[in-house]
Amino acid sequence: MTIGFGDNVRVRMTPVTEERGIAGIRGNVHGETIPSVTNVEVIGKVTDDYALHVQPDDEGADGFWIVPSLLEFVDHAPGTEMIAGNVRAIRQEDGSWKETRIPKKKPWWKFCRS
């Protein structure tokens, strides 16, 4: 299974993750990057020039960039909701996004007019 944006993951128990104190942490994938372009610090050996940003479930914990091979897939985070402009997208169990349009609201001053 390929892990991607929006998925819930768990950090694998390895010497690298244990040394960094993140082994076993659960979180959500918030981004993807090409480390050779962005120059971010990545946990693990970068072999495919690809890394994922994981935001831990613990409030206030800092996110980190990590190679996908150090992550275990948990689920697609069904029910996750994103809103961009007037489009609402809700994550489905299979990893797809169900999109719906959000109706535009009338400006407050138009309610004052007869």
PDB file of N, CA and C in Angstrom:
ATOM      1  N   MET A   1       0.841  -1.179   0.000  1.00  0.00           N
ATOM      2  CA  MET A   1       0.000   0.000   0.000  1.00  0.00           C
ATOM      3  C   MET A   1       0.885   1.241   0.000  1.00  0.00           C
ATOM      4  N   THR A   2       0.558   2.188  -0.849  1.00  0.00           N
ATOM      5  CA  THR A   2       1.275   3.455  -0.898  1.00  0.00           C
ATOM      6  C   THR A   2       0.645   4.418   0.093  1.00  0.00           C
ATOM      7  N   ILE A   3       1.470   4.996   0.934  1.00  0.00           N
ATOM      8  CA  ILE A   3       0.991   5.972   1.913  1.00  0.00           C
ATOM      9  C   ILE A   3       1.035   7.340   1.269  1.00  0.00           C
ATOM     10  N   GLY A   4      -0.011   8.131   1.497  1.00  0.00           N
ATOM     11  CA  GLY A   4      -0.052   9.458   0.898  1.00  0.00           C
ATOM     12  C   GLY A   4      -0.763  10.472   1.768  1.00  0.00           C
ATOM     13  N   PHE A   5      -0.978  11.640   1.187  1.00  0.00           N
ATOM     14  CA  PHE A   5      -1.595  12.765   1.890  1.00  0.00           C
ATOM     15  C   PHE A   5      -2.910  12.360   2.545  1.00  0.00           C
ATOM     16  N   GLY A   6      -3.065  12.726   3.818  1.00  0.00           N
ATOM     17  CA  GLY A   6      -4.303  12.485   4.545  1.00  0.00           C
ATOM     18  C   GLY A   6      -4.385  11.157   5.265  1.00  0.00           C
ATOM     19  N   ASP A   7      -3.453  10.245   5.000  1.00  0.00           N
ATOM     20  CA  ASP A   7      -3.501   8.928   5.637  1.00  0.00           C
ATOM     21  C   ASP A   7      -3.026   8.996   7.091  1.00  0.00           C
ATOM     22  N   ASN A   8      -3.612   8.144   7.921  1.00  0.00           N
ATOM     23  CA  ASN A   8      -3.127   7.961   9.289  1.00  0.00           C
ATOM     24  C   ASN A   8      -2.041   6.902   9.251  1.00  0.00           C
ATOM     25  N   VAL A   9      -0.952   7.143   9.992  1.00  0.00           N
ATOM     26  CA  VAL A   9       0.197   6.246   9.977  1.00  0.00           C
ATOM     27  C   VAL A   9       0.736   6.031  11.387  1.00  0.00           C
ATOM     28  N   ARG A  10       1.602   5.025  11.525  1.00  0.00           N
ATOM     29  CA  ARG A  10       2.329   4.758  12.768  1.00  0.00           C
ATOM     30  C   ARG A  10       3.799   4.632  12.383  1.00  0.00           C
ATOM     31  N   VAL A  11       4.683   5.230  13.164  1.00  0.00           N
ATOM     32  CA  VAL A  11       6.118   5.153  12.903  1.00  0.00           C
ATOM     33  C   VAL A  11       6.616   3.779  13.330  1.00  0.00           C
ATOM     34  N   ARG A  12       7.329   3.095  12.433  1.00  0.00           N
ATOM     35  CA  ARG A  12       7.866   1.763  12.712  1.00  0.00           C
ATOM     36  C   ARG A  12       8.941   1.826  13.808  1.00  0.00           C
ATOM     37  N   MET A  13       9.095   0.707  14.515  1.00  0.00           N
ATOM     38  CA  MET A  13      10.148   0.572  15.526  1.00  0.00           C
ATOM     39  C   MET A  13      11.436   0.165  14.812  1.00  0.00           C
ATOM     40  N   THR A  14      12.363   1.076  14.711  1.00  0.00           N
ATOM     41  CA  THR A  14      13.672   0.800  14.109  1.00  0.00           C
ATOM     42  C   THR A  14      14.723   1.526  14.951  1.00  0.00           C
ATOM     43  N   PRO A  15      15.992   1.187  14.790  1.00  0.00           N
ATOM     44  CA  PRO A  15      17.019   1.926  15.540  1.00  0.00           C
ATOM     45  C   PRO A  15      16.967   3.436  15.269  1.00  0.00           C
ATOM     46  N   VAL A  16      16.712   3.818  14.027  1.00  0.00           N
ATOM     47  CA  VAL A  16      16.666   5.247  13.671  1.00  0.00           C
ATOM     48  C   VAL A  16      15.502   5.949  14.361  1.00  0.00           C
ATOM     49  N   THR A  17      14.311   5.343  14.324  1.00  0.00           N
ATOM     50  CA  THR A  17      13.146   5.996  14.926  1.00  0.00           C
ATOM     51  C   THR A  17      13.201   5.967  16.450  1.00  0.00           C
ATOM     52  N   GLU A  18      13.771   4.895  17.011  1.00  0.00           N
ATOM     53  CA  GLU A  18      13.917   4.845  18.468  1.00  0.00           C
ATOM     54  C   GLU A  18      14.916   5.893  18.945  1.00  0.00           C
ATOM     55  N   GLU A  19      16.009   6.064  18.193  1.00  0.00           N
ATOM     56  CA  GLU A  19      17.014   7.072  18.544  1.00  0.00           C
ATOM     57  C   GLU A  19      16.419   8.478  18.517  1.00  0.00           C
ATOM     58  N   ARG A  20      15.510   8.729  17.580  1.00  0.00           N
ATOM     59  CA  ARG A  20      14.875  10.045  17.457  1.00  0.00           C
ATOM     60  C   ARG A  20      13.684  10.223  18.402  1.00  0.00           C
ATOM     61  N   GLY A  21      13.290   9.151  19.084  1.00  0.00           N
ATOM     62  CA  GLY A  21      12.185   9.231  20.029  1.00  0.00           C
ATOM     63  C   GLY A  21      10.809   9.290  19.393  1.00  0.00           C
ATOM     64  N   ILE A  22      10.695   8.766  18.167  1.00  0.00           N
ATOM     65  CA  ILE A  22       9.400   8.822  17.477  1.00  0.00           C
ATOM     66  C   ILE A  22       8.821   7.441  17.185  1.00  0.00           C
ATOM     67  N   ALA A  23       9.516   6.377  17.568  1.00  0.00           N
ATOM     68  CA  ALA A  23       9.033   5.013  17.312  1.00  0.00           C
ATOM     69  C   ALA A  23       7.665   4.821  17.952  1.00  0.00           C
ATOM     70  N   GLY A  24       6.725   4.288  17.169  1.00  0.00           N
ATOM     71  CA  GLY A  24       5.389   4.008  17.679  1.00  0.00           C
ATOM     72  C   GLY A  24       4.426   5.180  17.634  1.00  0.00           C
ATOM     73  N   ILE A  25       4.910   6.354  17.309  1.00  0.00           N
ATOM     74  CA  ILE A  25       4.024   7.526  17.260  1.00  0.00           C
ATOM     75  C   ILE A  25       3.021   7.374  16.130  1.00  0.00           C
ATOM     76  N   ARG A  26       1.774   7.752  16.413  1.00  0.00           N
ATOM     77  CA  ARG A  26       0.727   7.784  15.385  1.00  0.00           C
ATOM     78  C   ARG A  26       0.534   9.217  14.943  1.00  0.00           C
ATOM     79  N   GLY A  27       0.192   9.371  13.660  1.00  0.00           N
ATOM     80  CA  GLY A  27      -0.041  10.713  13.152  1.00  0.00           C
ATOM     81  C   GLY A  27      -0.707  10.680  11.799  1.00  0.00           C
ATOM     82  N   ASN A  28      -0.805  11.857  11.187  1.00  0.00           N
ATOM     83  CA  ASN A  28      -1.472  12.023   9.907  1.00  0.00           C
ATOM     84  C   ASN A  28      -0.495  12.648   8.922  1.00  0.00           C
ATOM     85  N   VAL A  29      -0.515  12.154   7.676  1.00  0.00           N
ATOM     86  CA  VAL A  29       0.369  12.692   6.645  1.00  0.00           C
ATOM     87  C   VAL A  29      -0.195  14.027   6.161  1.00  0.00           C
ATOM     88  N   HIS A  30       0.580  15.088   6.380  1.00  0.00           N
ATOM     89  CA  HIS A  30       0.160  16.446   6.017  1.00  0.00           C
ATOM     90  C   HIS A  30       0.860  16.984   4.789  1.00  0.00           C
ATOM     91  N   GLY A  31       1.806  16.251   4.229  1.00  0.00           N
ATOM     92  CA  GLY A  31       2.496  16.763   3.053  1.00  0.00           C
ATOM     93  C   GLY A  31       3.490  15.782   2.475  1.00  0.00           C
ATOM     94  N   GLU A  32       3.934  16.103   1.253  1.00  0.00           N
ATOM     95  CA  GLU A  32       4.921  15.314   0.529  1.00  0.00           C
ATOM     96  C   GLU A  32       5.971  16.277  -0.006  1.00  0.00           C
ATOM     97  N   THR A  33       7.202  15.805  -0.170  1.00  0.00           N
ATOM     98  CA  THR A  33       8.239  16.678  -0.710  1.00  0.00           C
ATOM     99  C   THR A  33       9.312  15.881  -1.427  1.00  0.00           C
ATOM    100  N   ILE A  34      10.115  16.611  -2.184  1.00  0.00           N
ATOM    101  CA  ILE A  34      11.319  16.095  -2.826  1.00  0.00           C
ATOM    102  C   ILE A  34      12.477  16.733  -2.069  1.00  0.00           C
ATOM    103  N   PRO A  35      13.114  15.996  -1.161  1.00  0.00           N
ATOM    104  CA  PRO A  35      14.140  16.579  -0.295  1.00  0.00           C
ATOM    105  C   PRO A  35      15.288  17.276  -1.027  1.00  0.00           C
ATOM    106  N   SER A  36      15.673  16.782  -2.207  1.00  0.00           N
ATOM    107  CA  SER A  36      16.779  17.418  -2.930  1.00  0.00           C
ATOM    108  C   SER A  36      16.410  18.816  -3.408  1.00  0.00           C
ATOM    109  N   VAL A  37      15.135  19.107  -3.497  1.00  0.00           N
ATOM    110  CA  VAL A  37      14.669  20.429  -3.925  1.00  0.00           C
ATOM    111  C   VAL A  37      14.413  21.331  -2.724  1.00  0.00           C
ATOM    112  N   THR A  38      13.767  20.780  -1.689  1.00  0.00           N
ATOM    113  CA  THR A  38      13.362  21.604  -0.544  1.00  0.00           C
ATOM    114  C   THR A  38      14.398  21.668   0.569  1.00  0.00           C
ATOM    115  N   ASN A  39      15.368  20.764   0.552  1.00  0.00           N
ATOM    116  CA  ASN A  39      16.430  20.733   1.571  1.00  0.00           C
ATOM    117  C   ASN A  39      15.902  20.601   2.998  1.00  0.00           C
ATOM    118  N   VAL A  40      14.806  19.865   3.184  1.00  0.00           N
ATOM    119  CA  VAL A  40      14.298  19.631   4.535  1.00  0.00           C
ATOM    120  C   VAL A  40      15.088  18.502   5.176  1.00  0.00           C
ATOM    121  N   GLU A  41      15.121  18.502   6.506  1.00  0.00           N
ATOM    122  CA  GLU A  41      15.761  17.411   7.242  1.00  0.00           C
ATOM    123  C   GLU A  41      14.797  16.227   7.246  1.00  0.00           C
ATOM    124  N   VAL A  42      15.276  15.083   6.813  1.00  0.00           N
ATOM    125  CA  VAL A  42      14.434  13.891   6.700  1.00  0.00           C
ATOM    126  C   VAL A  42      14.973  12.802   7.620  1.00  0.00           C
ATOM    127  N   ILE A  43      14.052  12.150   8.329  1.00  0.00           N
ATOM    128  CA  ILE A  43      14.419  11.022   9.176  1.00  0.00           C
ATOM    129  C   ILE A  43      14.459   9.773   8.302  1.00  0.00           C
ATOM    130  N   GLY A  44      15.567   9.047   8.348  1.00  0.00           N
ATOM    131  CA  GLY A  44      15.739   7.843   7.540  1.00  0.00           C
ATOM    132  C   GLY A  44      16.602   8.110   6.322  1.00  0.00           C
ATOM    133  N   LYS A  45      16.977   7.033   5.643  1.00  0.00           N
ATOM    134  CA  LYS A  45      17.828   7.129   4.461  1.00  0.00           C
ATOM    135  C   LYS A  45      16.969   7.424   3.235  1.00  0.00           C
ATOM    136  N   VAL A  46      17.213   8.580   2.625  1.00  0.00           N
ATOM    137  CA  VAL A  46      16.445   8.994   1.442  1.00  0.00           C
ATOM    138  C   VAL A  46      17.021   8.285   0.224  1.00  0.00           C
ATOM    139  N   THR A  47      16.259   7.344  -0.322  1.00  0.00           N
ATOM    140  CA  THR A  47      16.716   6.604  -1.498  1.00  0.00           C
ATOM    141  C   THR A  47      15.946   6.982  -2.750  1.00  0.00           C
ATOM    142  N   ASP A  48      14.699   7.412  -2.600  1.00  0.00           N
ATOM    143  CA  ASP A  48      13.860   7.753  -3.756  1.00  0.00           C
ATOM    144  C   ASP A  48      13.612   9.246  -3.892  1.00  0.00           C
ATOM    145  N   ASP A  49      14.351  10.064  -3.139  1.00  0.00           N
ATOM    146  CA  ASP A  49      14.179  11.523  -3.157  1.00  0.00           C
ATOM    147  C   ASP A  49      12.722  11.900  -2.919  1.00  0.00           C
ATOM    148  N   TYR A  50      12.150  11.280  -1.894  1.00  0.00           N
ATOM    149  CA  TYR A  50      10.734  11.488  -1.560  1.00  0.00           C
ATOM    150  C   TYR A  50      10.579  11.331  -0.054  1.00  0.00           C
ATOM    151  N   ALA A  51       9.822  12.234   0.551  1.00  0.00           N
ATOM    152  CA  ALA A  51       9.580  12.157   1.994  1.00  0.00           C
ATOM    153  C   ALA A  51       8.168  12.644   2.293  1.00  0.00           C
ATOM    154  N   LEU A  52       7.650  12.206   3.432  1.00  0.00           N
ATOM    155  CA  LEU A  52       6.314  12.587   3.877  1.00  0.00           C
ATOM    156  C   LEU A  52       6.419  13.389   5.169  1.00  0.00           C
ATOM    157  N   HIS A  53       5.517  14.341   5.332  1.00  0.00           N
ATOM    158  CA  HIS A  53       5.464  15.105   6.581  1.00  0.00           C
ATOM    159  C   HIS A  53       4.375  14.493   7.444  1.00  0.00           C
ATOM    160  N   VAL A  54       4.742  14.077   8.651  1.00  0.00           N
ATOM    161  CA  VAL A  54       3.798  13.474   9.582  1.00  0.00           C
ATOM    162  C   VAL A  54       3.559  14.440  10.736  1.00  0.00           C
ATOM    163  N   GLN A  55       2.282  14.698  10.995  1.00  0.00           N
ATOM    164  CA  GLN A  55       1.887  15.512  12.140  1.00  0.00           C
ATOM    165  C   GLN A  55       1.362  14.558  13.203  1.00  0.00           C
ATOM    166  N   PRO A  56       2.080  14.420  14.331  1.00  0.00           N
ATOM    167  CA  PRO A  56       1.639  13.497  15.381  1.00  0.00           C
ATOM    168  C   PRO A  56       0.250  13.844  15.926  1.00  0.00           C
ATOM    169  N   ASP A  57      -0.444  12.816  16.409  1.00  0.00           N
ATOM    170  CA  ASP A  57      -1.772  13.003  17.001  1.00  0.00           C
ATOM    171  C   ASP A  57      -1.716  13.838  18.273  1.00  0.00           C
ATOM    172  N   ASP A  58      -0.598  13.788  19.000  1.00  0.00           N
ATOM    173  CA  ASP A  58      -0.469  14.548  20.247  1.00  0.00           C
ATOM    174  C   ASP A  58      -0.494  16.042  19.952  1.00  0.00           C
ATOM    175  N   GLU A  59      -1.439  16.750  20.587  1.00  0.00           N
ATOM    176  CA  GLU A  59      -1.523  18.199  20.395  1.00  0.00           C
ATOM    177  C   GLU A  59      -0.235  18.871  20.826  1.00  0.00           C
ATOM    178  N   GLY A  60       0.211  19.802  20.034  1.00  0.00           N
ATOM    179  CA  GLY A  60       1.406  20.557  20.360  1.00  0.00           C
ATOM    180  C   GLY A  60       2.706  19.899  19.931  1.00  0.00           C
ATOM    181  N   ALA A  61       2.658  18.638  19.497  1.00  0.00           N
ATOM    182  CA  ALA A  61       3.881  17.958  19.055  1.00  0.00           C
ATOM    183  C   ALA A  61       4.279  18.475  17.679  1.00  0.00           C
ATOM    184  N   ASP A  62       5.575  18.609  17.476  1.00  0.00           N
ATOM    185  CA  ASP A  62       6.076  19.071  16.190  1.00  0.00           C
ATOM    186  C   ASP A  62       5.997  17.960  15.154  1.00  0.00           C
ATOM    187  N   GLY A  63       5.665  18.339  13.928  1.00  0.00           N
ATOM    188  CA  GLY A  63       5.667  17.399  12.826  1.00  0.00           C
ATOM    189  C   GLY A  63       7.093  17.143  12.361  1.00  0.00           C
ATOM    190  N   PHE A  64       7.260  16.148  11.498  1.00  0.00           N
ATOM    191  CA  PHE A  64       8.589  15.806  11.002  1.00  0.00           C
ATOM    192  C   PHE A  64       8.481  15.195   9.615  1.00  0.00           C
ATOM    193  N   TRP A  65       9.584  15.308   8.861  1.00  0.00           N
ATOM    194  CA  TRP A  65       9.695  14.698   7.537  1.00  0.00           C
ATOM    195  C   TRP A  65      10.372  13.342   7.714  1.00  0.00           C
ATOM    196  N   ILE A  66       9.839  12.332   7.030  1.00  0.00           N
ATOM    197  CA  ILE A  66      10.325  10.968   7.211  1.00  0.00           C
ATOM    198  C   ILE A  66      10.186  10.198   5.904  1.00  0.00           C
ATOM    199  N   VAL A  67      11.048   9.212   5.700  1.00  0.00           N
ATOM    200  CA  VAL A  67      10.926   8.381   4.502  1.00  0.00           C
ATOM    201  C   VAL A  67       9.759   7.410   4.700  1.00  0.00           C
ATOM    202  N   PRO A  68       9.007   7.117   3.628  1.00  0.00           N
ATOM    203  CA  PRO A  68       7.827   6.248   3.746  1.00  0.00           C
ATOM    204  C   PRO A  68       8.111   4.858   4.290  1.00  0.00           C
ATOM    205  N   SER A  69       9.319   4.322   4.054  1.00  0.00           N
ATOM    206  CA  SER A  69       9.627   2.960   4.510  1.00  0.00           C
ATOM    207  C   SER A  69       9.649   2.846   6.035  1.00  0.00           C
ATOM    208  N   LEU A  70       9.693   3.964   6.746  1.00  0.00           N
ATOM    209  CA  LEU A  70       9.684   3.940   8.212  1.00  0.00           C
ATOM    210  C   LEU A  70       8.273   4.117   8.775  1.00  0.00           C
ATOM    211  N   LEU A  71       7.266   4.069   7.903  1.00  0.00           N
ATOM    212  CA  LEU A  71       5.876   4.250   8.333  1.00  0.00           C
ATOM    213  C   LEU A  71       5.040   3.021   8.053  1.00  0.00           C
ATOM    214  N   GLU A  72       4.054   2.790   8.913  1.00  0.00           N
ATOM    215  CA  GLU A  72       3.045   1.743   8.702  1.00  0.00           C
ATOM    216  C   GLU A  72       1.719   2.431   8.432  1.00  0.00           C
ATOM    217  N   PHE A  73       0.993   1.957   7.440  1.00  0.00           N
ATOM    218  CA  PHE A  73      -0.339   2.475   7.121  1.00  0.00           C
ATOM    219  C   PHE A  73      -1.317   2.045   8.209  1.00  0.00           C
ATOM    220  N   VAL A  74      -2.146   2.987   8.707  1.00  0.00           N
ATOM    221  CA  VAL A  74      -3.190   2.666   9.680  1.00  0.00           C
ATOM    222  C   VAL A  74      -4.540   2.681   8.979  1.00  0.00           C
ATOM    223  N   ASP A  75      -4.911   3.820   8.386  1.00  0.00           N
ATOM    224  CA  ASP A  75      -6.145   3.923   7.606  1.00  0.00           C
ATOM    225  C   ASP A  75      -6.122   5.222   6.803  1.00  0.00           C
ATOM    226  N   HIS A  76      -7.157   5.429   6.004  1.00  0.00           N
ATOM    227  CA  HIS A  76      -7.246   6.619   5.153  1.00  0.00           C
ATOM    228  C   HIS A  76      -7.890   7.809   5.862  1.00  0.00           C
ATOM    229  N   ALA A  77      -8.058   7.724   7.165  1.00  0.00           N
ATOM    230  CA  ALA A  77      -8.667   8.801   7.958  1.00  0.00           C
ATOM    231  C   ALA A  77     -10.046   9.185   7.415  1.00  0.00           C
ATOM    232  N   PRO A  78     -10.936   8.174   7.297  1.00  0.00           N
ATOM    233  CA  PRO A  78     -12.266   8.479   6.783  1.00  0.00           C
ATOM    234  C   PRO A  78     -12.974   9.507   7.656  1.00  0.00           C
ATOM    235  N   GLY A  79     -13.709  10.398   7.004  1.00  0.00           N
ATOM    236  CA  GLY A  79     -14.429  11.449   7.712  1.00  0.00           C
ATOM    237  C   GLY A  79     -13.656  12.753   7.778  1.00  0.00           C
ATOM    238  N   THR A  80     -12.366  12.725   7.417  1.00  0.00           N
ATOM    239  CA  THR A  80     -11.587  13.958   7.384  1.00  0.00           C
ATOM    240  C   THR A  80     -12.234  14.917   6.398  1.00  0.00           C
ATOM    241  N   GLU A  81     -12.343  16.165   6.810  1.00  0.00           N
ATOM    242  CA  GLU A  81     -13.004  17.166   5.955  1.00  0.00           C
ATOM    243  C   GLU A  81     -12.035  18.284   5.616  1.00  0.00           C
ATOM    244  N   MET A  82     -12.022  18.661   4.334  1.00  0.00           N
ATOM    245  CA  MET A  82     -11.237  19.813   3.875  1.00  0.00           C
ATOM    246  C   MET A  82     -12.171  20.742   3.124  1.00  0.00           C
ATOM    247  N   ILE A  83     -11.953  22.039   3.280  1.00  0.00           N
ATOM    248  CA  ILE A  83     -12.728  23.029   2.540  1.00  0.00           C
ATOM    249  C   ILE A  83     -11.749  23.937   1.816  1.00  0.00           C
ATOM    250  N   ALA A  84     -11.947  24.078   0.513  1.00  0.00           N
ATOM    251  CA  ALA A  84     -11.147  24.983  -0.315  1.00  0.00           C
ATOM    252  C   ALA A  84     -12.116  25.798  -1.163  1.00  0.00           C
ATOM    253  N   GLY A  85     -12.180  27.100  -0.865  1.00  0.00           N
ATOM    254  CA  GLY A  85     -13.143  27.937  -1.580  1.00  0.00           C
ATOM    255  C   GLY A  85     -14.550  27.486  -1.251  1.00  0.00           C
ATOM    256  N   ASN A  86     -15.320  27.141  -2.283  1.00  0.00           N
ATOM    257  CA  ASN A  86     -16.693  26.686  -2.048  1.00  0.00           C
ATOM    258  C   ASN A  86     -16.837  25.180  -2.291  1.00  0.00           C
ATOM    259  N   VAL A  87     -15.740  24.441  -2.114  1.00  0.00           N
ATOM    260  CA  VAL A  87     -15.776  22.988  -2.274  1.00  0.00           C
ATOM    261  C   VAL A  87     -15.408  22.327  -0.952  1.00  0.00           C
ATOM    262  N   ARG A  88     -16.271  21.410  -0.515  1.00  0.00           N
ATOM    263  CA  ARG A  88     -16.017  20.605   0.686  1.00  0.00           C
ATOM    264  C   ARG A  88     -15.674  19.191   0.212  1.00  0.00           C
ATOM    265  N   ALA A  89     -14.564  18.637   0.729  1.00  0.00           N
ATOM    266  CA  ALA A  89     -14.162  17.283   0.383  1.00  0.00           C
ATOM    267  C   ALA A  89     -14.098  16.460   1.672  1.00  0.00           C
ATOM    268  N   ILE A  90     -14.739  15.293   1.638  1.00  0.00           N
ATOM    269  CA  ILE A  90     -14.757  14.402   2.800  1.00  0.00           C
ATOM    270  C   ILE A  90     -14.109  13.080   2.399  1.00  0.00           C
ATOM    271  N   ARG A  91     -13.126  12.645   3.201  1.00  0.00           N
ATOM    272  CA  ARG A  91     -12.367  11.430   2.912  1.00  0.00           C
ATOM    273  C   ARG A  91     -13.235  10.205   3.140  1.00  0.00           C
ATOM    274  N   GLN A  92     -13.178   9.286   2.191  1.00  0.00           N
ATOM    275  CA  GLN A  92     -13.927   8.035   2.249  1.00  0.00           C
ATOM    276  C   GLN A  92     -13.009   6.916   2.758  1.00  0.00           C
ATOM    277  N   GLU A  93     -13.585   5.793   3.168  1.00  0.00           N
ATOM    278  CA  GLU A  93     -12.799   4.670   3.701  1.00  0.00           C
ATOM    279  C   GLU A  93     -11.801   4.118   2.697  1.00  0.00           C
ATOM    280  N   ASP A  94     -12.125   4.215   1.395  1.00  0.00           N
ATOM    281  CA  ASP A  94     -11.221   3.679   0.373  1.00  0.00           C
ATOM    282  C   ASP A  94     -10.108   4.653  -0.019  1.00  0.00           C
ATOM    283  N   GLY A  95     -10.072   5.828   0.619  1.00  0.00           N
ATOM    284  CA  GLY A  95      -9.029   6.807   0.336  1.00  0.00           C
ATOM    285  C   GLY A  95      -9.431   7.873  -0.659  1.00  0.00           C
ATOM    286  N   SER A  96     -10.577   7.721  -1.292  1.00  0.00           N
ATOM    287  CA  SER A  96     -11.041   8.739  -2.241  1.00  0.00           C
ATOM    288  C   SER A  96     -11.645   9.921  -1.471  1.00  0.00           C
ATOM    289  N   TRP A  97     -11.890  11.006  -2.173  1.00  0.00           N
ATOM    290  CA  TRP A  97     -12.492  12.200  -1.582  1.00  0.00           C
ATOM    291  C   TRP A  97     -13.838  12.446  -2.253  1.00  0.00           C
ATOM    292  N   LYS A  98     -14.882  12.613  -1.471  1.00  0.00           N
ATOM    293  CA  LYS A  98     -16.203  12.952  -2.004  1.00  0.00           C
ATOM    294  C   LYS A  98     -16.355  14.469  -1.915  1.00  0.00           C
ATOM    295  N   GLU A  99     -16.495  15.107  -3.073  1.00  0.00           N
ATOM    296  CA  GLU A  99     -16.573  16.561  -3.121  1.00  0.00           C
ATOM    297  C   GLU A  99     -18.008  17.030  -3.298  1.00  0.00           C
ATOM    298  N   THR A 100     -18.360  18.100  -2.604  1.00  0.00           N
ATOM    299  CA  THR A 100     -19.650  18.758  -2.758  1.00  0.00           C
ATOM    300  C   THR A 100     -19.422  20.261  -2.785  1.00  0.00           C
ATOM    301  N   ARG A 101     -20.317  20.956  -3.442  1.00  0.00           N
ATOM    302  CA  ARG A 101     -20.248  22.420  -3.498  1.00  0.00           C
ATOM    303  C   ARG A 101     -20.941  22.998  -2.277  1.00  0.00           C
ATOM    304  N   ILE A 102     -20.370  24.063  -1.748  1.00  0.00           N
ATOM    305  CA  ILE A 102     -20.965  24.778  -0.625  1.00  0.00           C
ATOM    306  C   ILE A 102     -21.705  25.975  -1.213  1.00  0.00           C
ATOM    307  N   PRO A 103     -23.004  26.092  -0.940  1.00  0.00           N
ATOM    308  CA  PRO A 103     -23.741  27.229  -1.495  1.00  0.00           C
ATOM    309  C   PRO A 103     -23.193  28.552  -0.954  1.00  0.00           C
ATOM    310  N   LYS A 104     -23.138  29.536  -1.835  1.00  0.00           N
ATOM    311  CA  LYS A 104     -22.667  30.856  -1.409  1.00  0.00           C
ATOM    312  C   LYS A 104     -23.725  31.511  -0.542  1.00  0.00           C
ATOM    313  N   LYS A 105     -23.279  32.170   0.522  1.00  0.00           N
ATOM    314  CA  LYS A 105     -24.182  32.898   1.402  1.00  0.00           C
ATOM    315  C   LYS A 105     -24.306  34.325   0.909  1.00  0.00           C
ATOM    316  N   LYS A 106     -25.473  34.908   1.101  1.00  0.00           N
ATOM    317  CA  LYS A 106     -25.666  36.303   0.741  1.00  0.00           C
ATOM    318  C   LYS A 106     -24.877  37.176   1.711  1.00  0.00           C
ATOM    319  N   PRO A 107     -24.287  38.263   1.210  1.00  0.00           N
ATOM    320  CA  PRO A 107     -23.619  39.192   2.128  1.00  0.00           C
ATOM    321  C   PRO A 107     -24.617  39.713   3.153  1.00  0.00           C
ATOM    322  N   TRP A 108     -24.129  40.022   4.356  1.00  0.00           N
ATOM    323  CA  TRP A 108     -24.991  40.449   5.453  1.00  0.00           C
ATOM    324  C   TRP A 108     -25.859  41.632   5.067  1.00  0.00           C
ATOM    325  N   TRP A 109     -25.345  42.556   4.275  1.00  0.00           N
ATOM    326  CA  TRP A 109     -26.090  43.774   3.952  1.00  0.00           C
ATOM    327  C   TRP A 109     -27.254  43.502   3.010  1.00  0.00           C
ATOM    328  N   LYS A 110     -27.252  42.391   2.282  1.00  0.00           N
ATOM    329  CA  LYS A 110     -28.374  42.078   1.388  1.00  0.00           C
ATOM    330  C   LYS A 110     -29.595  41.608   2.176  1.00  0.00           C
ATOM    331  N   PHE A 111     -29.362  41.131   3.413  1.00  0.00           N
ATOM    332  CA  PHE A 111     -30.494  40.744   4.256  1.00  0.00           C
ATOM    333  C   PHE A 111     -31.245  41.970   4.764  1.00  0.00           C
ATOM    334  N   CYS A 112     -30.591  43.119   4.795  1.00  0.00           N
ATOM    335  CA  CYS A 112     -31.192  44.340   5.285  1.00  0.00           C
ATOM    336  C   CYS A 112     -32.069  45.018   4.246  1.00  0.00           C
ATOM    337  N   ARG A 113     -31.927  44.641   3.008  1.00  0.00           N
ATOM    338  CA  ARG A 113     -32.672  45.275   1.913  1.00  0.00           C
ATOM    339  C   ARG A 113     -34.018  44.584   1.738  1.00  0.00           C
ATOM    340  N   SER A 114     -34.977  45.319   1.313  1.00  0.00           N
ATOM    341  CA  SER A 114     -36.308  44.745   1.070  1.00  0.00           C
ATOM    342  C   SER A 114     -36.397  44.169  -0.317  1.00  0.00           C
TER     343      SER A 114
END
